[in-house]
């Protein structure tokens, strides 16, 4: 797997301008080929991680995690831990600091291990995030690997700048992802069964959709849903305005009569109204009637494959994904919306919701969230004073994040490292075996060995 020319070769790093994949990069202290030999990737290193500031972010969650003043000055949406060209982590050791993206150019084998290095062409396969949503995110889906490669090449050929507002494909990779709740975490995910969608259209009394819903009722299958959803996203302004008015009124009726209705009715009504408050002119406010409405409890997680429509609504979670920033949006956002491409990548089969809980390991005291992807693995370690974690002898790169408490990491090759709430470290594959003790909750991101 390649990443638009991003390989562990010095030629991929220009002294200024853009990386080989076109992403912006500027030289910083320690980002030189000459200094790389003095910065050993055979030791555990601390990470300094960039924050993404989006309008839907929280003024509290990430700041609280890192022990900073609350509220933060700007809404902090995502804390990125990894080597994505858009916002790589910094690796700090002693008085030196290097971009992890730059280190991957020269030290990918030491960081990843030979097997993972070869399998992913010198690229860190995953991106770990803390995601903090105080407002709803966009309705979106992610492409599969082939769609990402074709879309990225097409936009390159059209000469669309890599940082352009209207660019849909920012790299050539797919983006399967796992979200694990830290707080109660609300989300929309996957189409409901066909008959449920039709029932909610009727309950909400969406008369403006009568021609489309009638046709869908006559063809309740994937093709019918594709036709229905395509028509919904492309309604003419007058009919769209009528439909939004009907949706708001229908949601108000649901909320006013919750005693006689199911919990799901109350959820749908409440979220349609909340989405309407944020995006009153957006057809995406109907999404709670079309998609499953989910609340993950702390510790629960869900895996989202390519082509699955979803939106995160509210809450804080640990998110891990293949190392990509490809997002195709259909609404509930001020960012670029690409309806034709979204419809191209979407799967229109009803989704069966499976929530994940961490499963204990037979070899270590951590517990793993099971996913089918080969790029990443996420586990959680609830460390107690009576418990000691001993690392496996064979492993790829690991990123550990301390969610709460404190821990100590010991190896024979370097002084003991202290981890406090909000701290993150990189354990390269070439680092010696280590042990972790303390009283803390830690999350570990890595790539599974085959």
Protein backbone atom coordinates (compact mmCIF):
# COMPACT_ATOMS: atom_id res chain seq x y z
CA UNK A 1 0.00 0.00 0.00
CA UNK A 2 1.38 3.40 -0.95
CA UNK A 3 0.29 6.85 0.04
CA UNK A 4 0.61 9.04 -3.04
CA UNK A 5 4.36 8.77 -3.14
CA UNK A 6 4.81 8.89 0.64
CA UNK A 7 7.56 6.38 1.33
CA UNK A 8 10.51 6.16 3.68
CA UNK A 9 12.88 7.79 1.22
CA UNK A 10 14.67 11.12 1.72
CA UNK A 11 13.38 12.36 -1.64
CA UNK A 12 9.82 12.34 -0.29
CA UNK A 13 10.74 15.12 2.14
CA UNK A 14 11.31 18.49 0.54
CA UNK A 15 13.08 21.14 2.57
CA UNK A 16 10.00 23.32 2.27
CA UNK A 17 6.64 23.37 0.56
CA UNK A 18 4.93 19.99 0.33
CA UNK A 19 5.58 16.37 1.03
CA UNK A 20 5.61 13.88 -1.78
CA UNK A 21 1.86 13.37 -1.26
CA UNK A 22 1.23 17.08 -1.62
CA UNK A 23 0.47 17.73 2.04
CA UNK A 24 1.81 20.89 3.61
CA UNK A 25 5.05 20.58 5.56
CA UNK A 26 7.51 23.10 6.92
CA UNK A 27 10.93 22.38 8.42
CA UNK A 28 11.16 22.47 12.20
CA UNK A 29 13.86 21.97 14.81
CA UNK A 30 15.23 18.46 14.51
CA UNK A 31 13.64 17.73 11.12
CA UNK A 32 16.90 17.16 9.30
CA UNK A 33 18.52 14.16 7.72
CA UNK A 34 21.82 15.07 9.38
CA UNK A 35 20.41 14.81 12.92
CA UNK A 36 18.57 11.53 12.51
CA UNK A 37 21.46 9.36 13.71
CA UNK A 38 21.51 11.15 17.09
CA UNK A 39 17.83 10.45 17.66
CA UNK A 40 17.57 6.73 18.36
CA UNK A 41 14.27 5.04 17.65
CA UNK A 42 15.23 2.17 19.93
CA UNK A 43 13.81 3.96 22.98
CA UNK A 44 10.36 4.90 24.26
CA UNK A 45 9.62 8.58 23.55
CA UNK A 46 7.06 11.11 24.64
CA UNK A 47 4.63 12.51 22.07
CA UNK A 48 3.42 16.07 21.70
CA UNK A 49 0.18 16.01 19.74
CA UNK A 50 -1.63 18.62 17.63
CA UNK A 51 -5.20 19.74 18.30
CA UNK A 52 -7.69 20.31 15.48
CA UNK A 53 -9.96 23.31 16.02
CA UNK A 54 -13.38 22.78 14.43
CA UNK A 55 -16.61 24.62 15.20
CA UNK A 56 -18.26 21.49 16.63
CA UNK A 57 -15.48 20.92 19.17
CA UNK A 58 -15.57 21.18 22.94
CA UNK A 59 -14.19 23.97 25.13
CA UNK A 60 -13.73 21.48 27.98
CA UNK A 61 -12.99 17.83 27.14
CA UNK A 62 -9.48 17.94 25.65
CA UNK A 63 -8.42 20.80 27.91
CA UNK A 64 -9.55 18.81 30.96
CA UNK A 65 -7.72 15.70 29.74
CA UNK A 66 -4.50 17.68 29.41
CA UNK A 67 -4.92 19.59 32.67
CA UNK A 68 -5.29 23.01 31.02
CA UNK A 69 -7.56 25.92 31.88
CA UNK A 70 -11.29 25.46 31.18
CA UNK A 71 -12.89 26.70 29.04
CA UNK A 72 -10.35 26.70 26.21
CA UNK A 73 -10.22 29.82 24.03
CA UNK A 74 -11.28 27.94 20.87
CA UNK A 75 -13.44 24.83 20.38
CA UNK A 76 -11.04 21.86 20.48
CA UNK A 77 -12.44 19.03 18.37
CA UNK A 78 -9.72 16.41 17.90
CA UNK A 79 -6.36 15.52 19.44
CA UNK A 80 -4.32 13.69 16.77
CA UNK A 81 -1.68 11.07 17.63
CA UNK A 82 0.15 9.72 14.62
CA UNK A 83 1.95 10.63 11.42
CA UNK A 84 -0.69 12.01 9.10
CA UNK A 85 0.85 14.74 6.89
CA UNK A 86 -1.91 17.18 7.82
CA UNK A 87 -0.95 17.22 11.51
CA UNK A 88 1.78 14.81 12.67
CA UNK A 89 2.76 14.28 16.28
CA UNK A 90 6.12 15.43 17.59
CA UNK A 91 8.48 12.91 19.16
CA UNK A 92 10.34 14.38 22.13
CA UNK A 93 13.43 12.90 23.77
CA UNK A 94 15.86 14.80 25.99
CA UNK A 95 16.28 18.23 24.37
CA UNK A 96 15.40 17.10 20.85
CA UNK A 97 12.06 17.11 19.08
CA UNK A 98 11.23 15.63 15.67
CA UNK A 99 8.09 15.32 13.59
CA UNK A 100 6.96 11.69 13.61
CA UNK A 101 6.18 12.09 9.92
CA UNK A 102 9.79 13.11 9.25
CA UNK A 103 11.15 10.23 11.35
CA UNK A 104 9.06 7.78 9.34
CA UNK A 105 11.06 8.77 6.27
CA UNK A 106 14.27 7.34 7.73
CA UNK A 107 13.38 5.17 10.72
CA UNK A 108 10.27 3.34 9.55
CA UNK A 109 11.72 -0.14 10.09
CA UNK A 110 12.87 0.68 13.62
CA UNK A 111 9.49 2.24 14.42
CA UNK A 112 7.17 -0.27 12.74
CA UNK A 113 9.20 -3.48 12.72
CA UNK A 114 10.19 -5.22 9.49
CA UNK A 115 6.86 -6.98 8.88
CA UNK A 116 4.59 -3.94 9.24
CA UNK A 117 7.12 -1.67 7.56
CA UNK A 118 7.08 -3.84 4.45
CA UNK A 119 3.32 -4.39 4.49
CA UNK A 120 2.51 -0.67 4.66
CA UNK A 121 5.44 0.73 2.64
CA UNK A 122 7.02 2.64 5.50
CA UNK A 123 3.84 4.33 6.64
CA UNK A 124 2.35 4.34 10.14
CA UNK A 125 -0.93 2.55 9.31
CA UNK A 126 -3.18 4.12 11.95
CA UNK A 127 -4.19 7.48 13.39
CA UNK A 128 -5.32 7.71 17.03
CA UNK A 129 -7.54 10.58 18.17
CA UNK A 130 -9.44 11.95 21.11
CA UNK A 131 -12.67 13.27 19.57
CA UNK A 132 -14.70 15.81 21.56
CA UNK A 133 -18.05 16.85 20.05
CA UNK A 134 -20.22 19.48 21.69
CA UNK A 135 -22.22 19.92 18.46
CA UNK A 136 -23.18 17.47 15.71
CA UNK A 137 -20.64 16.53 13.05
CA UNK A 138 -21.49 16.23 9.37
CA UNK A 139 -23.43 13.39 7.80
CA UNK A 140 -20.63 11.50 6.09
CA UNK A 141 -19.12 8.28 4.81
CA UNK A 142 -15.63 7.12 3.86
CA UNK A 143 -14.46 5.48 0.62
CA UNK A 144 -13.00 2.02 0.28
CA UNK A 145 -9.37 1.64 -0.76
CA UNK A 146 -9.98 1.47 -4.51
CA UNK A 147 -12.40 4.41 -4.43
CA UNK A 148 -9.86 6.47 -2.49
CA UNK A 149 -7.08 5.73 -4.97
CA UNK A 150 -9.26 6.56 -7.98
CA UNK A 151 -10.72 9.70 -6.39
CA UNK A 152 -7.34 11.00 -5.23
CA UNK A 153 -5.80 10.46 -8.67
CA UNK A 154 -8.78 12.11 -10.37
CA UNK A 155 -8.59 15.26 -8.24
CA UNK A 156 -4.83 15.39 -8.76
CA UNK A 157 -5.34 15.23 -12.52
CA UNK A 158 -7.88 18.06 -12.30
CA UNK A 159 -5.29 20.18 -10.54
CA UNK A 160 -7.35 20.73 -7.38
CA UNK A 161 -4.98 22.02 -4.67
CA UNK A 162 -4.43 19.60 -1.80
CA UNK A 163 -5.66 22.11 0.76
CA UNK A 164 -8.56 23.39 -1.38
CA UNK A 165 -11.92 23.83 0.35
CA UNK A 166 -13.69 21.82 -2.36
CA UNK A 167 -11.33 18.85 -2.39
CA UNK A 168 -12.95 15.54 -1.37
CA UNK A 169 -9.94 13.20 -1.46
CA UNK A 170 -6.94 14.37 0.56
CA UNK A 171 -5.04 11.09 0.34
CA UNK A 172 -5.27 7.73 -1.40
CA UNK A 173 -6.19 5.60 1.61
CA UNK A 174 -9.41 4.17 3.02
CA UNK A 175 -10.64 5.12 6.49
CA UNK A 176 -12.26 2.31 8.47
CA UNK A 177 -12.61 3.54 12.04
CA UNK A 178 -13.51 2.59 15.61
CA UNK A 179 -15.04 4.99 18.12
CA UNK A 180 -14.87 4.10 21.84
CA UNK A 181 -16.91 6.21 24.26
CA UNK A 182 -15.26 8.01 27.18
CA UNK A 183 -18.48 9.83 28.07
CA UNK A 184 -22.01 8.95 26.87
CA UNK A 185 -21.56 9.31 23.13
CA UNK A 186 -24.45 9.94 20.72
CA UNK A 187 -24.24 8.98 17.07
CA UNK A 188 -26.25 8.24 13.94
CA UNK A 189 -25.08 5.20 12.05
CA UNK A 190 -26.27 3.09 9.12
CA UNK A 191 -29.64 2.96 7.41
CA UNK A 192 -32.62 1.55 9.31
CA UNK A 193 -34.58 -1.36 7.80
CA UNK A 194 -36.59 -0.17 4.83
CA UNK A 195 -39.98 -0.58 6.51
CA UNK A 196 -38.82 1.47 9.52
CA UNK A 197 -37.76 4.37 7.32
CA UNK A 198 -41.18 4.36 5.66
CA UNK A 199 -42.92 4.16 9.05
CA UNK A 200 -41.08 7.18 10.41
CA UNK A 201 -41.84 9.19 7.29
CA UNK A 202 -45.51 8.45 7.92
CA UNK A 203 -45.33 9.15 11.68
CA UNK A 204 -43.66 12.50 11.04
CA UNK A 205 -46.30 13.27 8.39
CA UNK A 206 -43.80 14.25 5.73
CA UNK A 207 -46.31 14.94 2.98
CA UNK A 208 -43.73 16.81 0.88
CA UNK A 209 -41.98 13.46 0.39
CA UNK A 210 -45.09 11.60 -0.75
CA UNK A 211 -44.00 10.91 -4.38
CA UNK A 212 -40.55 9.66 -3.32
CA UNK A 213 -41.78 7.61 -0.35
CA UNK A 214 -44.53 6.04 -2.46
CA UNK A 215 -41.95 4.95 -5.04
CA UNK A 216 -39.68 3.64 -2.27
CA UNK A 217 -42.59 1.66 -0.77
CA UNK A 218 -43.10 0.02 -4.15
CA UNK A 219 -39.40 -0.88 -4.34
CA UNK A 220 -38.22 -1.50 -0.74
CA UNK A 221 -34.69 -2.63 -1.54
CA UNK A 222 -31.20 -1.18 -2.03
CA UNK A 223 -32.01 0.28 -5.43
CA UNK A 224 -35.19 1.84 -4.06
CA UNK A 225 -33.39 3.39 -1.10
CA UNK A 226 -30.65 4.74 -3.37
CA UNK A 227 -33.27 6.43 -5.57
CA UNK A 228 -35.14 7.76 -2.53
CA UNK A 229 -32.05 9.11 -0.75
CA UNK A 230 -30.67 10.66 -3.94
CA UNK A 231 -33.97 12.48 -4.46
CA UNK A 232 -34.00 13.63 -0.84
CA UNK A 233 -30.53 15.20 -1.09
CA UNK A 234 -31.37 17.01 -4.34
CA UNK A 235 -34.85 18.41 -3.64
CA UNK A 236 -35.67 21.75 -5.22
CA UNK A 237 -35.68 24.68 -2.75
CA UNK A 238 -39.47 25.09 -2.45
CA UNK A 239 -40.13 21.42 -1.68
CA UNK A 240 -37.09 21.30 0.62
CA UNK A 241 -38.42 24.24 2.65
CA UNK A 242 -41.85 22.57 2.97
CA UNK A 243 -40.23 19.29 4.05
CA UNK A 244 -38.07 20.97 6.71
CA UNK A 245 -41.16 22.67 8.15
CA UNK A 246 -43.02 19.35 8.27
CA UNK A 247 -40.03 17.60 9.86
CA UNK A 248 -39.78 20.21 12.62
CA UNK A 249 -43.51 20.02 13.35
CA UNK A 250 -43.45 16.23 13.35
CA UNK A 251 -40.50 16.17 15.75
CA UNK A 252 -42.27 18.61 18.08
CA UNK A 253 -45.30 16.30 18.18
CA UNK A 254 -43.06 13.38 19.12
CA UNK A 255 -41.46 15.34 21.94
CA UNK A 256 -44.80 16.62 23.25
CA UNK A 257 -46.27 13.12 23.50
CA UNK A 258 -43.29 11.13 24.79
CA UNK A 259 -45.34 9.53 27.59
CA UNK A 260 -47.33 7.61 25.01
CA UNK A 261 -44.43 6.87 22.72
CA UNK A 262 -41.38 4.67 22.75
CA UNK A 263 -37.92 5.72 23.82
CA UNK A 264 -36.86 5.62 20.16
CA UNK A 265 -39.63 8.09 19.25
CA UNK A 266 -38.36 10.50 21.87
CA UNK A 267 -34.81 10.14 20.58
CA UNK A 268 -35.81 10.80 16.99
CA UNK A 269 -37.91 13.83 17.89
CA UNK A 270 -35.26 15.33 20.15
CA UNK A 271 -32.41 14.93 17.67
CA UNK A 272 -34.37 16.24 14.69
CA UNK A 273 -35.09 19.39 16.71
CA UNK A 274 -31.49 19.72 17.90
CA UNK A 275 -30.16 19.30 14.37
CA UNK A 276 -32.71 21.85 13.17
CA UNK A 277 -31.42 24.32 15.77
CA UNK A 278 -27.89 24.00 14.34
CA UNK A 279 -28.76 23.59 10.63
CA UNK A 280 -32.31 24.89 10.01
CA UNK A 281 -31.93 24.83 6.21
CA UNK A 282 -30.26 21.41 5.93
CA UNK A 283 -32.14 18.32 4.78
CA UNK A 284 -29.77 16.31 7.00
CA UNK A 285 -31.99 17.09 9.99
CA UNK A 286 -34.13 14.12 8.82
CA UNK A 287 -31.22 11.72 9.44
CA UNK A 288 -32.47 10.43 12.83
CA UNK A 289 -35.54 8.99 11.03
CA UNK A 290 -33.39 7.29 8.39
CA UNK A 291 -30.40 6.11 10.43
CA UNK A 292 -30.02 4.22 13.71
CA UNK A 293 -29.81 6.55 16.72
CA UNK A 294 -27.19 5.21 19.15
CA UNK A 295 -25.88 6.17 22.57
CA UNK A 296 -22.60 4.48 23.47
CA UNK A 297 -21.95 4.19 27.18
CA UNK A 298 -18.37 4.72 28.47
CA UNK A 299 -16.28 1.73 27.42
CA UNK A 300 -18.59 0.70 24.58
CA UNK A 301 -17.39 1.07 21.00
CA UNK A 302 -18.53 0.59 17.43
CA UNK A 303 -16.67 -0.13 14.23
CA UNK A 304 -17.55 1.77 11.04
CA UNK A 305 -16.52 0.23 7.71
CA UNK A 306 -16.30 2.06 4.40
CA UNK A 307 -19.49 3.21 2.70
CA UNK A 308 -21.56 3.47 5.88
CA UNK A 309 -23.46 6.71 6.45
CA UNK A 310 -22.95 8.14 9.93
CA UNK A 311 -22.68 11.27 12.05
CA UNK A 312 -21.34 11.81 15.56
CA UNK A 313 -23.69 14.00 17.55
CA UNK A 314 -22.34 14.60 21.04
CA UNK A 315 -19.77 13.25 23.46
CA UNK A 316 -16.07 12.43 23.89
CA UNK A 317 -14.40 9.29 22.66
CA UNK A 318 -11.18 7.56 21.68
CA UNK A 319 -11.14 7.15 17.90
CA UNK A 320 -8.75 5.04 15.85
CA UNK A 321 -8.71 4.71 12.09
CA UNK A 322 -6.60 3.87 9.11
CA UNK A 323 -4.25 6.78 8.49
CA UNK A 324 -6.51 8.87 6.26
CA UNK A 325 -8.49 12.13 6.22
CA UNK A 326 -10.92 11.23 3.42
CA UNK A 327 -14.44 12.37 4.32
CA UNK A 328 -17.37 12.59 1.90
CA UNK A 329 -20.09 14.82 3.35
CA UNK A 330 -23.79 15.04 2.59
CA UNK A 331 -25.02 17.66 5.05
CA UNK A 332 -25.02 19.12 8.57
CA UNK A 333 -21.83 21.05 7.91
CA UNK A 334 -20.38 24.28 6.63
CA UNK A 335 -17.59 22.30 4.96
CA UNK A 336 -17.53 21.02 1.39
CA UNK A 337 -20.47 18.76 0.49
CA UNK A 338 -19.99 16.33 -2.39
CA UNK A 339 -23.35 14.63 -2.93
CA UNK A 340 -22.48 12.77 -6.18
CA UNK A 341 -19.36 11.23 -4.65
CA UNK A 342 -21.13 10.43 -1.38
CA UNK A 343 -23.87 8.59 -3.29
CA UNK A 344 -21.15 6.77 -5.24
CA UNK A 345 -19.50 5.32 -2.12
CA UNK A 346 -22.59 4.67 0.04
CA UNK A 347 -23.95 1.21 0.73
CA UNK A 348 -27.76 1.20 0.87
CA UNK A 349 -28.37 -2.07 2.70
CA UNK A 350 -29.84 -1.79 6.22
CA UNK A 351 -27.20 -1.88 8.92
CA UNK A 352 -27.22 -4.36 11.77
CA UNK A 353 -25.85 -2.53 14.80
CA UNK A 354 -23.28 -4.37 16.90
CA UNK A 355 -21.80 -2.56 19.88
CA UNK A 356 -18.39 -3.72 21.05
CA UNK A 357 -17.02 -4.22 24.54
CA UNK A 358 -13.34 -4.97 25.19
CA UNK A 359 -12.49 -8.65 25.36
CA UNK A 360 -9.81 -9.78 27.84
CA UNK A 361 -6.53 -10.99 26.42
CA UNK A 362 -5.24 -14.44 27.32
CA UNK A 363 -1.64 -13.18 27.35
CA UNK A 364 -1.70 -9.70 28.94
CA UNK A 365 -4.00 -7.83 31.39
CA UNK A 366 -5.34 -5.58 28.63
CA UNK A 367 -8.65 -6.00 26.80
CA UNK A 368 -9.11 -5.60 23.03
CA UNK A 369 -11.82 -4.18 20.78
CA UNK A 370 -12.22 -6.64 17.91
CA UNK A 371 -12.28 -5.27 14.36
CA UNK A 372 -11.65 -6.84 10.93
CA UNK A 373 -9.09 -4.26 9.83
CA UNK A 374 -5.38 -5.00 9.52
CA UNK A 375 -4.26 -1.39 10.03
CA UNK A 376 -5.04 -0.99 13.72
CA UNK A 377 -5.85 -2.57 17.04
CA UNK A 378 -7.17 -0.74 20.10
CA UNK A 379 -6.94 -2.08 23.65
CA UNK A 380 -7.56 -0.71 27.12
CA UNK A 381 -5.54 -1.42 30.25
CA UNK A 382 -7.10 -0.75 33.66
CA UNK A 383 -3.96 -0.74 35.74
CA UNK A 384 -4.09 -1.39 39.49
CA UNK A 385 -1.25 -1.19 42.04
CA UNK A 386 -1.33 -4.99 42.31
CA UNK A 387 -1.07 -5.43 38.53
CA UNK A 388 1.98 -5.32 36.28
CA UNK A 389 1.86 -5.12 32.48
CA UNK A 390 4.73 -6.80 30.65
CA UNK A 391 5.09 -6.07 26.94
CA UNK A 392 5.08 -8.85 24.34
CA UNK A 393 8.49 -9.62 22.85
CA UNK A 394 7.31 -9.07 19.27
CA UNK A 395 5.25 -5.99 18.46
CA UNK A 396 4.89 -3.14 16.00
CA UNK A 397 4.79 0.55 16.89
CA UNK A 398 2.56 1.35 19.88
CA UNK A 399 1.03 4.63 20.98
CA UNK A 400 -0.12 4.67 24.61
CA UNK A 401 -2.47 7.37 25.95
CA UNK A 402 -3.06 7.84 29.67
CA UNK A 403 -6.73 8.66 30.16
CA UNK A 404 -6.57 9.03 33.92
CA UNK A 405 -4.36 8.21 36.90
CA UNK A 406 -0.59 7.77 36.73
CA UNK A 407 1.77 5.03 35.60
CA UNK A 408 5.48 4.24 35.34
CA UNK A 409 7.17 2.58 32.36
CA UNK A 410 10.44 0.76 32.94
CA UNK A 411 12.99 -0.74 30.57
CA UNK A 412 16.62 -1.73 31.04
CA UNK A 413 17.76 0.80 28.44
CA UNK A 414 16.53 4.18 29.73
CA UNK A 415 15.35 5.98 32.87
CA UNK A 416 11.85 5.28 34.13
CA UNK A 417 9.12 7.26 32.33
CA UNK A 418 6.26 8.78 34.34
CA UNK A 419 2.85 8.98 32.67
CA UNK A 420 0.11 11.29 33.95
CA UNK A 421 -3.40 12.00 32.67
CA UNK A 422 -3.25 13.22 29.07
CA UNK A 423 0.30 12.00 28.42
CA UNK A 424 1.06 9.96 25.31
CA UNK A 425 4.13 7.95 24.35
CA UNK A 426 5.47 6.15 21.29
CA UNK A 427 6.97 2.70 21.76
CA UNK A 428 8.94 1.79 18.61
CA UNK A 429 9.15 -1.84 17.57
CA UNK A 430 12.90 -1.76 18.23
CA UNK A 431 12.48 -0.57 21.83
CA UNK A 432 13.43 -3.21 24.41
CA UNK A 433 10.78 -5.06 26.45
CA UNK A 434 9.12 -2.88 29.08
CA UNK A 435 6.85 -3.05 32.09
CA UNK A 436 4.06 -0.71 33.21
CA UNK A 437 2.98 -0.27 36.84
CA UNK A 438 0.74 2.21 38.62
CA UNK A 439 -2.95 3.06 38.95
CA UNK A 440 -4.33 4.33 35.65
CA UNK A 441 -6.51 3.74 32.61
CA UNK A 442 -4.42 3.48 29.46
CA UNK A 443 -5.38 3.02 25.81
CA UNK A 444 -2.98 1.37 23.38
CA UNK A 445 -3.05 1.74 19.61
CA UNK A 446 -0.94 -0.55 17.45
CA UNK A 447 -0.93 -2.59 14.25
CA UNK A 448 -1.51 -6.33 14.71
CA UNK A 449 1.18 -8.69 13.50
CA UNK A 450 -0.01 -11.32 11.02
